[in-house]
Amino acid sequence: MRMTSDASHDQRARRYWLMKSEPEECSIDDALGAIRSTVQWTGVRNYQARNFMRDEMQIGDGVLFYHSSCPEPGIAGVAEIASGTRTDPTQFDWRSPYCDPKSDPDKPRWLLLDVKALRKTRLLSLAELREHPELANLKVLQRGNRLSITEVDESDWKQVIKLLG
């Protein structure tokens, strides 16, 4: 009997994400200036976003680095997932705005992962994204969606990268 190995069977396809960050807290410039251009993605306090990090995001996945809660929100850079998840220490730091007094150190609620900034892009504003009907499926464009992490379809990823030049 001949044994064969199918590497594609063991690997899943690369996935894509849009991750929001307030530029005052961590901008694409901050991420690019960090050691190894890697930042810890802390402060996620939504269970669905946390579950994306824990269960679905993997090293090498593509990231649209999105500036939010600023005068002109939009995609400001391209990054990738650089680590698996681990405990987010800000949940236990009383000085942090992300402190969660109900989180138990023996069973932490909140996780972080590392994101590696690859490049700064021109700002692809929310208004400009809305001008492209082919991007209507982007979660960031849908009413009522305030998640800090959303999945991006491969076709939408390719279209956004094309728009970024």
Protein backbone atom coordinates (compact mmCIF):
# COMPACT_ATOMS: atom_id res chain seq x y z
CA MET A 1 0.00 0.00 0.00
CA ARG A 2 1.35 3.40 -0.97
CA MET A 3 0.93 6.27 1.48
CA THR A 4 0.43 9.74 0.08
CA SER A 5 0.48 13.05 1.80
CA ASP A 6 -1.79 15.86 0.77
CA ALA A 7 -0.46 19.06 2.33
CA SER A 8 -3.54 20.98 1.24
CA HIS A 9 -5.66 18.63 3.34
CA ASP A 10 -3.83 19.79 6.47
CA GLN A 11 -3.94 23.49 5.67
CA ARG A 12 -7.00 25.68 5.49
CA ALA A 13 -7.36 28.52 3.04
CA ARG A 14 -6.17 31.92 4.17
CA ARG A 15 -8.95 34.04 5.61
CA TYR A 16 -9.38 37.78 5.76
CA TRP A 17 -10.52 40.16 8.46
CA LEU A 18 -11.27 43.81 9.09
CA MET A 19 -10.02 44.91 12.50
CA LYS A 20 -10.96 48.29 13.94
CA SER A 21 -8.67 50.37 16.09
CA GLU A 22 -9.03 53.90 17.35
CA PRO A 23 -5.97 55.73 15.98
CA GLU A 24 -5.41 57.52 19.30
CA GLU A 25 -4.98 54.10 20.88
CA CYS A 26 -3.13 52.25 18.09
CA SER A 27 -2.83 53.63 14.56
CA ILE A 28 -1.30 51.94 11.55
CA ASP A 29 1.71 54.23 12.11
CA ASP A 30 1.99 53.00 15.70
CA ALA A 31 1.81 49.40 14.51
CA LEU A 32 4.46 49.94 11.83
CA GLY A 33 6.72 51.61 14.40
CA ALA A 34 6.37 48.80 16.94
CA ILE A 35 9.10 46.22 17.46
CA ARG A 36 8.87 43.82 14.51
CA SER A 37 5.84 45.91 13.40
CA THR A 38 3.76 43.74 15.74
CA VAL A 39 1.17 44.98 18.21
CA GLN A 40 -0.90 43.16 20.78
CA TRP A 41 -4.59 43.46 19.87
CA THR A 42 -5.95 44.13 23.36
CA GLY A 43 -9.24 45.44 24.66
CA VAL A 44 -11.63 43.24 22.69
CA ARG A 45 -14.71 43.11 24.93
CA ASN A 46 -17.29 41.56 22.65
CA TYR A 47 -17.82 37.81 22.80
CA GLN A 48 -18.35 37.37 19.06
CA ALA A 49 -15.14 39.27 18.23
CA ARG A 50 -13.29 37.30 20.93
CA ASN A 51 -14.58 34.05 19.47
CA PHE A 52 -13.33 35.04 15.99
CA MET A 53 -9.88 35.53 17.54
CA ARG A 54 -10.00 32.31 19.54
CA ASP A 55 -11.66 29.96 17.07
CA GLU A 56 -11.14 31.24 13.54
CA MET A 57 -8.21 33.60 13.15
CA GLN A 58 -4.89 31.99 12.33
CA ILE A 59 -1.34 33.13 11.76
CA GLY A 60 -0.99 34.52 8.25
CA ASP A 61 -4.61 35.59 7.83
CA GLY A 62 -4.94 38.97 6.11
CA VAL A 63 -6.13 42.05 7.99
CA LEU A 64 -7.57 45.33 6.79
CA PHE A 65 -6.39 47.76 9.50
CA TYR A 66 -9.34 50.11 10.01
CA HIS A 67 -9.25 53.41 11.90
CA SER A 68 -12.51 53.97 13.79
CA SER A 69 -13.96 56.58 16.15
CA CYS A 70 -12.06 59.35 14.40
CA PRO A 71 -12.93 62.28 12.11
CA GLU A 72 -12.54 60.15 8.96
CA PRO A 73 -12.89 56.41 9.60
CA GLY A 74 -11.58 53.98 7.03
CA ILE A 75 -9.01 51.39 6.03
CA ALA A 76 -5.54 52.79 6.74
CA GLY A 77 -3.31 49.78 6.21
CA VAL A 78 -2.79 46.10 5.57
CA ALA A 79 -1.62 43.66 8.24
CA GLU A 80 -1.67 39.97 9.10
CA ILE A 81 -2.34 37.82 12.12
CA ALA A 82 1.03 37.12 13.73
CA SER A 83 0.19 34.85 16.70
CA GLY A 84 -2.39 32.66 18.29
CA THR A 85 -4.45 33.91 21.21
CA ARG A 86 -3.42 34.30 24.82
CA THR A 87 -4.85 36.00 27.90
CA ASP A 88 -5.38 39.76 27.60
CA PRO A 89 -3.79 41.23 30.76
CA THR A 90 -5.74 44.51 30.46
CA GLN A 91 -8.82 42.75 31.86
CA PHE A 92 -7.03 42.53 35.25
CA ASP A 93 -5.43 46.00 35.21
CA TRP A 94 -7.50 48.41 37.31
CA ARG A 95 -5.86 51.36 35.53
CA SER A 96 -6.97 50.13 32.11
CA PRO A 97 -10.24 51.24 30.52
CA TYR A 98 -10.54 47.56 29.53
CA CYS A 99 -10.48 46.24 33.07
CA ASP A 100 -13.19 43.64 33.68
CA PRO A 101 -13.65 43.09 37.42
CA LYS A 102 -15.81 40.02 36.71
CA SER A 103 -13.05 38.22 34.82
CA ASP A 104 -11.41 35.46 36.86
CA PRO A 105 -7.61 35.09 36.52
CA ASP A 106 -8.09 31.31 36.70
CA LYS A 107 -10.58 31.43 33.83
CA PRO A 108 -10.01 34.66 31.91
CA ARG A 109 -12.79 35.91 29.63
CA TRP A 110 -10.73 38.00 27.24
CA LEU A 111 -7.95 37.19 24.82
CA LEU A 112 -5.49 39.00 22.62
CA LEU A 113 -3.39 38.12 19.61
CA ASP A 114 -0.57 39.84 17.78
CA VAL A 115 -1.12 41.72 14.55
CA LYS A 116 1.79 42.50 12.23
CA ALA A 117 1.47 45.69 10.20
CA LEU A 118 2.64 45.13 6.63
CA ARG A 119 2.07 48.54 5.06
CA LYS A 120 0.29 51.84 5.44
CA THR A 121 -2.09 52.64 2.60
CA ARG A 122 -3.94 55.70 1.51
CA LEU A 123 -7.05 56.11 3.63
CA LEU A 124 -9.93 54.24 2.01
CA SER A 125 -12.70 56.07 3.82
CA LEU A 126 -16.02 54.65 4.89
CA ALA A 127 -17.67 57.09 2.47
CA GLU A 128 -15.52 55.81 -0.43
CA LEU A 129 -16.22 52.18 0.50
CA ARG A 130 -19.95 52.96 0.27
CA GLU A 131 -19.46 54.25 -3.29
CA HIS A 132 -18.64 50.71 -4.46
CA PRO A 133 -21.79 48.55 -4.67
CA GLU A 134 -19.64 45.45 -5.18
CA LEU A 135 -18.51 45.88 -1.54
CA ALA A 136 -22.05 45.95 -0.13
CA ASN A 137 -21.39 42.69 1.74
CA LEU A 138 -18.63 44.21 3.88
CA LYS A 139 -19.93 44.03 7.45
CA VAL A 140 -18.51 47.47 8.23
CA LEU A 141 -20.96 48.91 5.68
CA GLN A 142 -24.03 47.20 7.12
CA ARG A 143 -26.32 49.08 9.46
CA GLY A 144 -26.07 48.23 13.11
CA ASN A 145 -22.76 46.39 12.81
CA ARG A 146 -20.38 47.73 15.42
CA LEU A 147 -18.11 44.72 15.85
CA SER A 148 -14.42 45.53 16.11
CA ILE A 149 -13.51 42.39 14.14
CA THR A 150 -15.41 41.13 11.11
CA GLU A 151 -14.66 38.54 8.47
CA VAL A 152 -14.01 39.75 4.91
CA ASP A 153 -14.82 37.58 1.88
CA GLU A 154 -11.90 36.85 -0.43
CA SER A 155 -13.59 38.68 -3.31
CA ASP A 156 -14.11 41.77 -1.11
CA TRP A 157 -10.48 41.54 0.07
CA LYS A 158 -9.24 41.51 -3.52
CA GLN A 159 -11.46 44.45 -4.45
CA VAL A 160 -10.30 46.52 -1.47
CA ILE A 161 -6.63 45.74 -2.19
CA LYS A 162 -7.22 46.81 -5.81
CA LEU A 163 -8.79 50.09 -4.64
CA LEU A 164 -5.85 50.71 -2.33
CA GLY A 165 -3.48 50.43 -5.31
